[in-house]
């Protein structure tokens, strides 16, 4: 008989039983569910709702079930619907009628909200640790490549010379913001909904704060309707995970481009590449491509839960059972991607000469030539037009700006002098950009130091 079956005269249809059950996926919450029940049982005993010895029996029984599940000795039942009912059924079978007292003052509605918060809190901490490791690897790479010259791009067209360190630092800033978002999400979810009951609290004198403190929460929810029906915290995590995956995807897209024969800026390690079943010469960046693809999967998890929650009236509705699979999938996908991207970056080979060669082509020093004229007193808009004409001429001749002679430059403007060639040298173009946020090695080195300090502060929160 169902634990809730007193109201019913006939059993649930077999098809409905299978359709309704969530134990196939929510069994993943068994540890959080049992830890929450232990704290609830201890509180029930301390406030006198049940006898102290009954609370002790409940706690001992729950701890034994936890150990047996972890040892693989428990087989969950579809008919018991979910992890909450499975645990309670096991507990009652093992310790007798006192097991039926565990659910006093509690509903599955506030119980599942508690379990999911506990689960996400742990997974956010795990995800943060993986992001931190990724940022540290990127910081190490940036430190090694302060003077690895490369072209910067806009519209995927060569724009201005920068360094690989400067390029990597852009992603470091993104991932540091991702850490901040995960911190904020964790802070907002870290309140206990237990005690909200089905939707209107309970008449039992529960000590909600005691349970919250034992489980490591910062406080309790202040409205019972909100406590059982809120999934903002799950949506916020999915949104944060989606943004983080977007950043991973952008980085991986560049690795795919850079490892191509057209760029040859990097060579992926064999351990993070795959081959072709028909073309023996191929070395494919499949890992980076798959991260790019899995980003859409996490986006889908966010959109699915947003759609589930759209238009739901207060308080709990069965639709909300669909929250867990989206959260589980996003957690798994995000963490697997973080796990593989970090060593892929750490083991790739940077082709410095190819990057430097790329920086010299495509007129990446054209802006510096215009700046040179502006510093000589030529209005910038006029300088821009003059350099545009020079670029057009060089394009037709198939040469670079540095290949024109001084006399040729002076036929265009008498302002040009011998110092122009130093001004448009690729290294000078980069080193001269010492403004905060710029690509000069000196500036990037300081940005690395500041980013390391930011990382430490984020770890303290």
Protein backbone atom coordinates (compact mmCIF):
# COMPACT_ATOMS: atom_id res chain seq x y z
CA UNK A 1 0.00 0.00 0.00
CA UNK A 2 1.20 3.53 -0.77
CA UNK A 3 2.29 5.61 2.18
CA UNK A 4 -0.33 8.11 1.05
CA UNK A 5 -2.96 5.51 0.09
CA UNK A 6 -5.56 5.98 2.84
CA UNK A 7 -7.71 8.23 0.66
CA UNK A 8 -7.85 5.81 -2.28
CA UNK A 9 -10.05 2.77 -2.97
CA UNK A 10 -8.07 1.29 -5.87
CA UNK A 11 -4.44 0.94 -6.78
CA UNK A 12 -2.60 3.15 -9.21
CA UNK A 13 -2.65 1.99 -12.82
CA UNK A 14 0.61 0.29 -13.82
CA UNK A 15 1.25 2.78 -16.61
CA UNK A 16 0.70 5.69 -14.26
CA UNK A 17 2.94 4.04 -11.66
CA UNK A 18 5.81 3.99 -14.13
CA UNK A 19 5.02 7.45 -15.55
CA UNK A 20 4.69 9.01 -12.12
CA UNK A 21 7.79 7.51 -10.52
CA UNK A 22 10.97 9.58 -10.27
CA UNK A 23 13.18 7.09 -8.44
CA UNK A 24 15.13 6.28 -11.60
CA UNK A 25 16.76 9.69 -11.45
CA UNK A 26 16.11 11.19 -8.01
CA UNK A 27 17.84 8.26 -6.30
CA UNK A 28 20.88 10.41 -6.96
CA UNK A 29 19.72 12.55 -4.02
CA UNK A 30 19.81 9.68 -1.53
CA UNK A 31 22.65 11.11 0.58
CA UNK A 32 21.14 14.59 0.79
CA UNK A 33 17.72 13.10 1.53
CA UNK A 34 19.03 10.97 4.38
CA UNK A 35 21.17 13.73 5.89
CA UNK A 36 18.14 16.03 5.83
CA UNK A 37 16.02 13.34 7.49
CA UNK A 38 18.62 12.77 10.20
CA UNK A 39 18.65 16.47 11.04
CA UNK A 40 14.84 16.53 11.01
CA UNK A 41 14.61 13.48 13.29
CA UNK A 42 17.12 14.93 15.74
CA UNK A 43 15.15 18.17 15.89
CA UNK A 44 11.84 16.33 16.41
CA UNK A 45 13.36 14.64 19.45
CA UNK A 46 14.89 17.81 20.84
CA UNK A 47 11.61 19.77 20.75
CA UNK A 48 9.59 16.88 22.17
CA UNK A 49 7.46 16.12 19.11
CA UNK A 50 8.73 12.54 19.40
CA UNK A 51 10.60 10.84 22.23
CA UNK A 52 14.37 11.13 22.33
CA UNK A 53 14.81 7.36 22.08
CA UNK A 54 12.55 7.33 19.01
CA UNK A 55 14.68 10.02 17.43
CA UNK A 56 17.78 7.96 18.18
CA UNK A 57 16.22 4.90 16.55
CA UNK A 58 15.31 6.92 13.48
CA UNK A 59 18.83 8.35 13.20
CA UNK A 60 20.50 4.96 13.63
CA UNK A 61 18.19 3.41 11.05
CA UNK A 62 18.83 6.20 8.56
CA UNK A 63 22.59 5.98 9.02
CA UNK A 64 22.47 2.23 8.39
CA UNK A 65 20.43 2.75 5.22
CA UNK A 66 22.93 5.35 4.02
CA UNK A 67 25.80 2.93 4.54
CA UNK A 68 23.95 0.14 2.73
CA UNK A 69 23.13 2.37 -0.26
CA UNK A 70 26.74 3.47 -0.51
CA UNK A 71 27.78 -0.20 -0.38
CA UNK A 72 25.38 -1.06 -3.21
CA UNK A 73 23.17 -3.24 -1.02
CA UNK A 74 19.89 -1.42 -1.67
CA UNK A 75 17.64 -1.84 -4.67
CA UNK A 76 15.12 0.96 -5.01
CA UNK A 77 11.48 0.24 -5.91
CA UNK A 78 9.60 1.95 -8.73
CA UNK A 79 6.38 1.50 -6.76
CA UNK A 80 7.72 3.60 -3.92
CA UNK A 81 7.78 6.51 -6.39
CA UNK A 82 10.72 8.61 -5.28
CA UNK A 83 13.81 8.66 -3.09
CA UNK A 84 11.88 10.07 -0.11
CA UNK A 85 9.30 7.27 -0.05
CA UNK A 86 11.91 4.61 -0.76
CA UNK A 87 13.99 5.68 2.23
CA UNK A 88 10.96 5.94 4.52
CA UNK A 89 9.70 2.52 3.40
CA UNK A 90 13.10 0.95 4.05
CA UNK A 91 13.32 2.64 7.43
CA UNK A 92 9.89 1.39 8.53
CA UNK A 93 10.69 -2.14 7.39
CA UNK A 94 13.89 -2.12 9.43
CA UNK A 95 12.94 -0.38 12.68
CA UNK A 96 9.19 -0.91 12.76
CA UNK A 97 6.31 1.54 13.39
CA UNK A 98 8.55 4.28 14.77
CA UNK A 99 9.79 4.74 11.20
CA UNK A 100 6.39 6.16 10.35
CA UNK A 101 7.06 9.09 12.70
CA UNK A 102 9.93 10.42 10.59
CA UNK A 103 7.63 12.42 8.35
CA UNK A 104 5.98 14.29 11.23
CA UNK A 105 5.77 18.00 10.45
CA UNK A 106 7.21 17.50 6.99
CA UNK A 107 6.01 17.15 3.40
CA UNK A 108 7.75 15.76 0.35
CA UNK A 109 7.34 19.27 -1.03
CA UNK A 110 9.71 20.90 1.43
CA UNK A 111 11.81 17.73 1.59
CA UNK A 112 12.67 17.73 -2.11
CA UNK A 113 13.35 21.46 -2.06
CA UNK A 114 15.81 20.82 0.76
CA UNK A 115 17.48 17.90 -1.04
CA UNK A 116 17.97 19.86 -4.25
CA UNK A 117 19.48 22.82 -2.41
CA UNK A 118 21.88 20.54 -0.56
CA UNK A 119 22.82 18.81 -3.81
CA UNK A 120 23.39 22.02 -5.76
CA UNK A 121 25.40 23.55 -2.95
CA UNK A 122 27.84 20.65 -3.13
CA UNK A 123 27.98 20.63 -6.93
CA UNK A 124 28.55 24.38 -7.08
CA UNK A 125 31.54 23.92 -4.77
CA UNK A 126 32.85 21.13 -7.01
CA UNK A 127 32.28 23.21 -10.15
CA UNK A 128 34.06 26.17 -8.57
CA UNK A 129 37.08 24.02 -7.78
CA UNK A 130 37.26 22.95 -11.42
CA UNK A 131 36.98 26.54 -12.66
CA UNK A 132 39.72 27.59 -10.25
CA UNK A 133 42.03 24.92 -11.64
CA UNK A 134 41.25 26.07 -15.18
CA UNK A 135 41.98 29.71 -14.29
CA UNK A 136 45.26 28.74 -12.64
CA UNK A 137 46.32 26.85 -15.77
CA UNK A 138 45.42 29.84 -17.95
CA UNK A 139 47.35 32.16 -15.64
CA UNK A 140 50.40 29.89 -15.92
CA UNK A 141 50.10 29.90 -19.72
CA UNK A 142 49.73 33.67 -19.78
CA UNK A 143 52.83 34.09 -17.64
CA UNK A 144 54.81 31.94 -20.10
CA UNK A 145 53.60 33.82 -23.15
CA UNK A 146 53.96 37.47 -22.21
CA UNK A 147 56.08 37.98 -25.33
CA UNK A 148 54.46 35.50 -27.69
CA UNK A 149 53.28 37.86 -30.41
CA UNK A 150 50.11 37.06 -32.33
CA UNK A 151 47.43 38.81 -34.35
CA UNK A 152 44.29 39.99 -32.64
CA UNK A 153 41.07 39.76 -34.60
CA UNK A 154 37.77 41.50 -35.09
CA UNK A 155 35.19 39.98 -37.44
CA UNK A 156 37.71 37.10 -37.71
CA UNK A 157 39.90 39.48 -39.74
CA UNK A 158 43.37 40.43 -38.56
CA UNK A 159 43.13 43.67 -36.62
CA UNK A 160 46.09 44.58 -34.38
CA UNK A 161 49.06 42.74 -32.91
CA UNK A 162 48.73 41.47 -29.33
CA UNK A 163 50.27 38.64 -27.31
CA UNK A 164 48.97 35.20 -26.49
CA UNK A 165 49.09 36.21 -22.82
CA UNK A 166 46.78 39.14 -23.52
CA UNK A 167 44.39 36.91 -25.44
CA UNK A 168 44.28 34.29 -22.67
CA UNK A 169 43.76 36.97 -20.05
CA UNK A 170 40.47 37.88 -21.72
CA UNK A 171 39.19 34.39 -20.91
CA UNK A 172 40.59 34.57 -17.41
CA UNK A 173 38.43 37.65 -16.77
CA UNK A 174 35.39 35.76 -18.07
CA UNK A 175 36.03 32.76 -15.87
CA UNK A 176 36.64 34.95 -12.82
CA UNK A 177 33.22 36.50 -13.39
CA UNK A 178 31.81 32.98 -13.70
CA UNK A 179 33.27 32.17 -10.29
CA UNK A 180 31.58 35.27 -8.92
CA UNK A 181 28.24 34.16 -10.36
CA UNK A 182 28.61 30.71 -8.81
CA UNK A 183 29.44 32.32 -5.47
CA UNK A 184 26.34 34.51 -5.70
CA UNK A 185 24.15 31.56 -6.67
CA UNK A 186 25.42 29.51 -3.76
CA UNK A 187 24.81 32.35 -1.34
CA UNK A 188 21.21 32.82 -2.43
CA UNK A 189 20.33 29.11 -2.39
CA UNK A 190 21.81 28.52 1.04
CA UNK A 191 18.60 28.86 3.04
CA UNK A 192 16.59 25.92 4.32
CA UNK A 193 12.99 25.40 3.15
CA UNK A 194 12.36 22.56 5.60
CA UNK A 195 9.42 23.43 7.83
CA UNK A 196 7.40 24.87 4.96
CA UNK A 197 5.39 21.66 4.94
CA UNK A 198 3.18 21.02 1.92
CA UNK A 199 2.61 24.78 1.51
CA UNK A 200 1.33 26.26 4.77
CA UNK A 201 3.89 25.23 7.36
CA UNK A 202 2.87 23.05 10.31
CA UNK A 203 1.26 23.24 13.73
CA UNK A 204 4.14 21.28 15.29
CA UNK A 205 6.66 23.39 17.23
CA UNK A 206 9.54 22.71 14.85
CA UNK A 207 12.88 24.38 15.34
CA UNK A 208 13.64 25.26 11.74
CA UNK A 209 16.76 27.19 12.64
CA UNK A 210 18.26 24.17 14.41
CA UNK A 211 17.87 22.00 11.31
CA UNK A 212 19.19 24.75 9.08
CA UNK A 213 22.26 25.21 11.28
CA UNK A 214 23.00 21.49 11.41
CA UNK A 215 22.84 21.28 7.62
CA UNK A 216 25.09 24.31 7.12
CA UNK A 217 22.48 26.77 5.89
CA UNK A 218 22.70 30.49 6.57
CA UNK A 219 19.02 30.75 7.51
CA UNK A 220 15.51 29.60 6.65
CA UNK A 221 12.98 30.60 4.01
CA UNK A 222 10.51 33.19 5.27
CA UNK A 223 7.43 32.13 3.31
CA UNK A 224 6.12 28.57 3.18
CA UNK A 225 4.58 28.97 -0.28
CA UNK A 226 7.87 30.23 -1.66
CA UNK A 227 9.80 27.58 0.26
CA UNK A 228 8.16 24.68 -1.56
CA UNK A 229 7.56 26.20 -4.99
CA UNK A 230 10.73 28.20 -5.62
CA UNK A 231 13.20 26.87 -8.15
CA UNK A 232 14.92 30.20 -8.74
CA UNK A 233 18.08 28.76 -7.24
CA UNK A 234 18.12 25.92 -9.77
CA UNK A 235 17.41 28.32 -12.63
CA UNK A 236 20.13 30.65 -11.42
CA UNK A 237 22.61 27.78 -11.38
CA UNK A 238 21.55 26.73 -14.89
CA UNK A 239 21.94 30.32 -16.09
CA UNK A 240 25.39 30.59 -14.51
CA UNK A 241 26.35 27.22 -15.97
CA UNK A 242 25.12 28.32 -19.41
CA UNK A 243 27.24 31.47 -19.34
CA UNK A 244 30.24 29.47 -18.17
CA UNK A 245 29.70 26.93 -20.96
CA UNK A 246 29.43 29.80 -23.45
CA UNK A 247 32.86 31.00 -22.37
CA UNK A 248 34.28 27.49 -22.67
CA UNK A 249 32.71 27.19 -26.11
CA UNK A 250 34.27 30.42 -27.35
CA UNK A 251 37.68 29.35 -26.09
CA UNK A 252 37.31 25.91 -27.68
CA UNK A 253 36.22 27.46 -30.99
CA UNK A 254 39.48 29.40 -31.07
CA UNK A 255 41.46 26.26 -30.29
CA UNK A 256 39.74 24.56 -33.22
CA UNK A 257 40.71 27.46 -35.50
CA UNK A 258 44.24 27.78 -34.17
CA UNK A 259 44.96 24.06 -34.61
CA UNK A 260 43.83 24.08 -38.24
CA UNK A 261 46.25 23.94 -41.16
CA UNK A 262 45.23 27.45 -42.10
CA UNK A 263 46.36 28.88 -38.75
CA UNK A 264 48.86 26.37 -37.27
CA UNK A 265 49.12 28.51 -34.13
CA UNK A 266 48.90 25.49 -31.79
CA UNK A 267 49.22 21.71 -31.93
CA UNK A 268 46.84 19.72 -29.76
CA UNK A 269 48.33 16.92 -27.70
CA UNK A 270 47.64 13.43 -29.08
CA UNK A 271 45.82 12.58 -25.88
CA UNK A 272 43.24 15.27 -26.59
CA UNK A 273 42.80 14.68 -30.32
CA UNK A 274 41.23 11.94 -32.44
CA UNK A 275 41.71 10.56 -35.94
CA UNK A 276 39.58 9.71 -38.93
CA UNK A 277 38.23 6.27 -39.82
CA UNK A 278 39.07 6.87 -43.49
CA UNK A 279 41.65 9.70 -43.71
CA UNK A 280 44.90 8.56 -42.07
CA UNK A 281 46.46 12.03 -42.02
CA UNK A 282 43.76 13.60 -39.85
CA UNK A 283 44.29 14.86 -36.30
CA UNK A 284 40.97 16.32 -35.22
CA UNK A 285 40.30 18.66 -32.26
CA UNK A 286 37.24 16.60 -31.32
CA UNK A 287 37.46 17.38 -27.61
CA UNK A 288 37.22 21.12 -28.21
CA UNK A 289 34.44 20.56 -30.75
CA UNK A 290 32.47 18.42 -28.33
CA UNK A 291 32.69 21.06 -25.60
CA UNK A 292 31.35 23.52 -28.16
CA UNK A 293 28.49 21.13 -28.91
CA UNK A 294 27.67 20.35 -25.30
CA UNK A 295 27.18 24.04 -24.62
CA UNK A 296 23.88 23.81 -26.48
CA UNK A 297 22.88 20.95 -24.21
CA UNK A 298 23.26 23.08 -21.09
CA UNK A 299 21.36 25.91 -22.77
CA UNK A 300 18.60 23.36 -23.38
CA UNK A 301 18.53 22.41 -19.70
CA UNK A 302 18.03 26.07 -18.77
CA UNK A 303 15.30 26.62 -21.35
CA UNK A 304 13.54 23.39 -20.37
CA UNK A 305 13.26 24.35 -16.70
CA UNK A 306 12.30 27.94 -17.51
CA UNK A 307 9.51 26.53 -19.66
CA UNK A 308 8.41 24.07 -16.95
CA UNK A 309 8.16 26.86 -14.39
CA UNK A 310 6.45 29.36 -16.66
CA UNK A 311 2.89 30.02 -15.55
CA UNK A 312 2.83 27.60 -12.60
CA UNK A 313 0.45 28.81 -9.88
CA UNK A 314 1.54 28.63 -6.25
CA UNK A 315 2.48 26.43 -4.63
CA UNK A 316 3.92 23.01 -5.54
CA UNK A 317 2.85 21.34 -8.80
CA UNK A 318 3.89 17.94 -10.13
CA UNK A 319 5.44 19.69 -13.14
CA UNK A 320 8.30 20.57 -10.81
CA UNK A 321 9.41 16.95 -10.73
CA UNK A 322 10.98 17.80 -14.10
CA UNK A 323 13.55 20.06 -12.42
CA UNK A 324 15.99 17.39 -11.33
CA UNK A 325 16.92 15.79 -14.64
CA UNK A 326 17.75 19.20 -16.10
CA UNK A 327 19.90 20.11 -13.11
CA UNK A 328 21.65 16.72 -13.05
CA UNK A 329 22.39 16.88 -16.76
CA UNK A 330 23.76 20.42 -16.58
CA UNK A 331 25.96 19.56 -13.58
CA UNK A 332 27.37 16.48 -15.30
CA UNK A 333 27.93 18.23 -18.62
CA UNK A 334 29.56 21.30 -17.10
CA UNK A 335 31.91 19.36 -14.86
CA UNK A 336 32.95 16.91 -17.57
CA UNK A 337 33.79 19.81 -19.87
CA UNK A 338 35.79 21.61 -17.19
CA UNK A 339 37.64 18.41 -16.38
CA UNK A 340 38.78 17.91 -19.97
CA UNK A 341 39.45 21.50 -21.06
CA UNK A 342 42.06 22.20 -18.38
CA UNK A 343 44.51 19.40 -19.32
CA UNK A 344 43.81 20.00 -23.03
CA UNK A 345 45.08 23.56 -22.58
CA UNK A 346 47.95 22.51 -20.36
CA UNK A 347 49.28 19.98 -22.87
CA UNK A 348 48.84 21.91 -26.14
CA UNK A 349 51.95 23.13 -27.96
CA UNK A 350 52.13 26.81 -28.87
CA UNK A 351 53.76 27.51 -32.23
CA UNK A 352 55.36 30.85 -31.42
CA UNK A 353 56.86 31.46 -34.87
CA UNK A 354 53.57 30.83 -36.63
CA UNK A 355 51.78 33.21 -34.27
CA UNK A 356 54.44 35.90 -34.74
CA UNK A 357 54.28 35.41 -38.50
CA UNK A 358 50.53 35.84 -38.39
CA UNK A 359 50.94 39.10 -36.47
CA UNK A 360 53.12 40.53 -39.26
CA UNK A 361 50.59 39.95 -42.00
CA UNK A 362 47.25 41.58 -42.68
CA UNK A 363 48.41 45.16 -41.97
CA UNK A 364 47.94 44.72 -38.22
CA UNK A 365 50.22 47.75 -37.73
CA UNK A 366 48.03 50.10 -39.81
CA UNK A 367 46.44 51.69 -36.73
CA UNK A 368 49.91 52.40 -35.34
CA UNK A 369 50.84 54.09 -38.59
CA UNK A 370 47.77 56.32 -38.27
CA UNK A 371 48.66 57.00 -34.62
CA UNK A 372 52.19 57.93 -35.75
CA UNK A 373 50.76 60.63 -38.01
CA UNK A 374 48.37 61.83 -35.32
CA UNK A 375 51.26 62.24 -32.89
CA UNK A 376 52.99 64.36 -35.52
CA UNK A 377 50.01 66.72 -35.53
CA UNK A 378 47.95 65.28 -38.39
CA UNK A 379 44.24 65.14 -37.45
CA UNK A 380 43.39 61.51 -36.82
CA UNK A 381 40.58 61.34 -39.37
CA UNK A 382 42.98 62.66 -42.02
CA UNK A 383 45.66 60.25 -40.85
CA UNK A 384 43.15 57.40 -41.11
CA UNK A 385 42.42 58.31 -44.74
CA UNK A 386 46.10 58.58 -45.66
CA UNK A 387 46.92 55.19 -44.15
CA UNK A 388 43.93 53.67 -45.90
CA UNK A 389 45.38 54.84 -49.22
CA UNK A 390 48.78 53.41 -48.27
CA UNK A 391 47.21 50.06 -47.38
CA UNK A 392 45.36 49.99 -50.70
CA UNK A 393 48.63 50.68 -52.54
CA UNK A 394 50.47 47.95 -50.61
CA UNK A 395 47.65 45.50 -51.20
CA UNK A 396 47.91 46.03 -54.95
CA UNK A 397 51.68 45.61 -54.77
CA UNK A 398 51.48 42.56 -52.50
CA UNK A 399 53.76 44.07 -49.85
CA UNK A 400 53.52 45.11 -46.20
CA UNK A 401 53.69 48.58 -44.71
CA UNK A 402 57.24 48.02 -43.51
CA UNK A 403 58.36 47.24 -47.09
CA UNK A 404 57.65 50.71 -48.46
CA UNK A 405 60.68 53.01 -48.62
CA UNK A 406 60.86 56.26 -46.72
CA UNK A 407 60.83 58.21 -49.97
CA UNK A 408 57.61 56.47 -50.98
CA UNK A 409 56.07 57.40 -47.64
CA UNK A 410 57.18 60.99 -48.02
CA UNK A 411 55.48 61.30 -51.41
CA UNK A 412 52.24 60.71 -49.50
CA UNK A 413 53.02 63.00 -46.57
CA UNK A 414 56.15 64.98 -45.69
CA UNK A 415 55.47 64.27 -42.02
CA UNK A 416 56.94 60.76 -42.35
CA UNK A 417 60.50 60.39 -41.06
CA UNK A 418 62.99 57.60 -40.31
CA UNK A 419 61.35 56.88 -36.95
CA UNK A 420 58.18 55.57 -38.64
CA UNK A 421 59.69 52.11 -39.16
CA UNK A 422 60.26 51.67 -35.44
CA UNK A 423 56.72 52.88 -34.77
CA UNK A 424 55.18 50.20 -37.00
CA UNK A 425 57.39 47.33 -35.83
CA UNK A 426 55.14 44.57 -34.45
CA UNK A 427 56.88 44.33 -31.08
CA UNK A 428 56.85 48.08 -30.65
CA UNK A 429 53.16 48.19 -31.52
CA UNK A 430 52.45 45.80 -28.64
CA UNK A 431 54.94 47.16 -26.10
CA UNK A 432 53.73 50.73 -26.61
CA UNK A 433 50.19 49.86 -25.54
CA UNK A 434 50.80 50.20 -21.81
CA UNK A 435 47.37 51.54 -20.91
CA UNK A 436 45.49 49.54 -18.25
CA UNK A 437 43.89 46.57 -19.97
CA UNK A 438 46.29 46.81 -22.92
CA UNK A 439 48.51 44.08 -24.40
CA UNK A 440 52.01 45.24 -23.46
CA UNK A 441 53.92 42.54 -21.57
CA UNK A 442 54.38 44.92 -18.67
CA UNK A 443 50.66 45.66 -18.46
CA UNK A 444 49.62 42.04 -18.85
CA UNK A 445 52.06 40.95 -16.14
CA UNK A 446 50.37 43.39 -13.76
CA UNK A 447 46.94 42.12 -14.87
CA UNK A 448 48.07 38.59 -14.05
CA UNK A 449 49.06 39.68 -10.54
CA UNK A 450 45.74 41.43 -10.02
CA UNK A 451 43.78 38.45 -11.36
CA UNK A 452 45.60 36.13 -8.96
CA UNK A 453 44.53 38.42 -6.12
CA UNK A 454 40.92 38.41 -7.36
CA UNK A 455 41.02 34.62 -7.52
CA UNK A 456 42.14 34.42 -3.89
CA UNK A 457 39.32 36.75 -2.80
CA UNK A 458 36.75 34.66 -4.67
CA UNK A 459 38.02 31.54 -2.93
CA UNK A 460 37.46 33.19 0.45
CA UNK A 461 33.73 33.69 -0.20
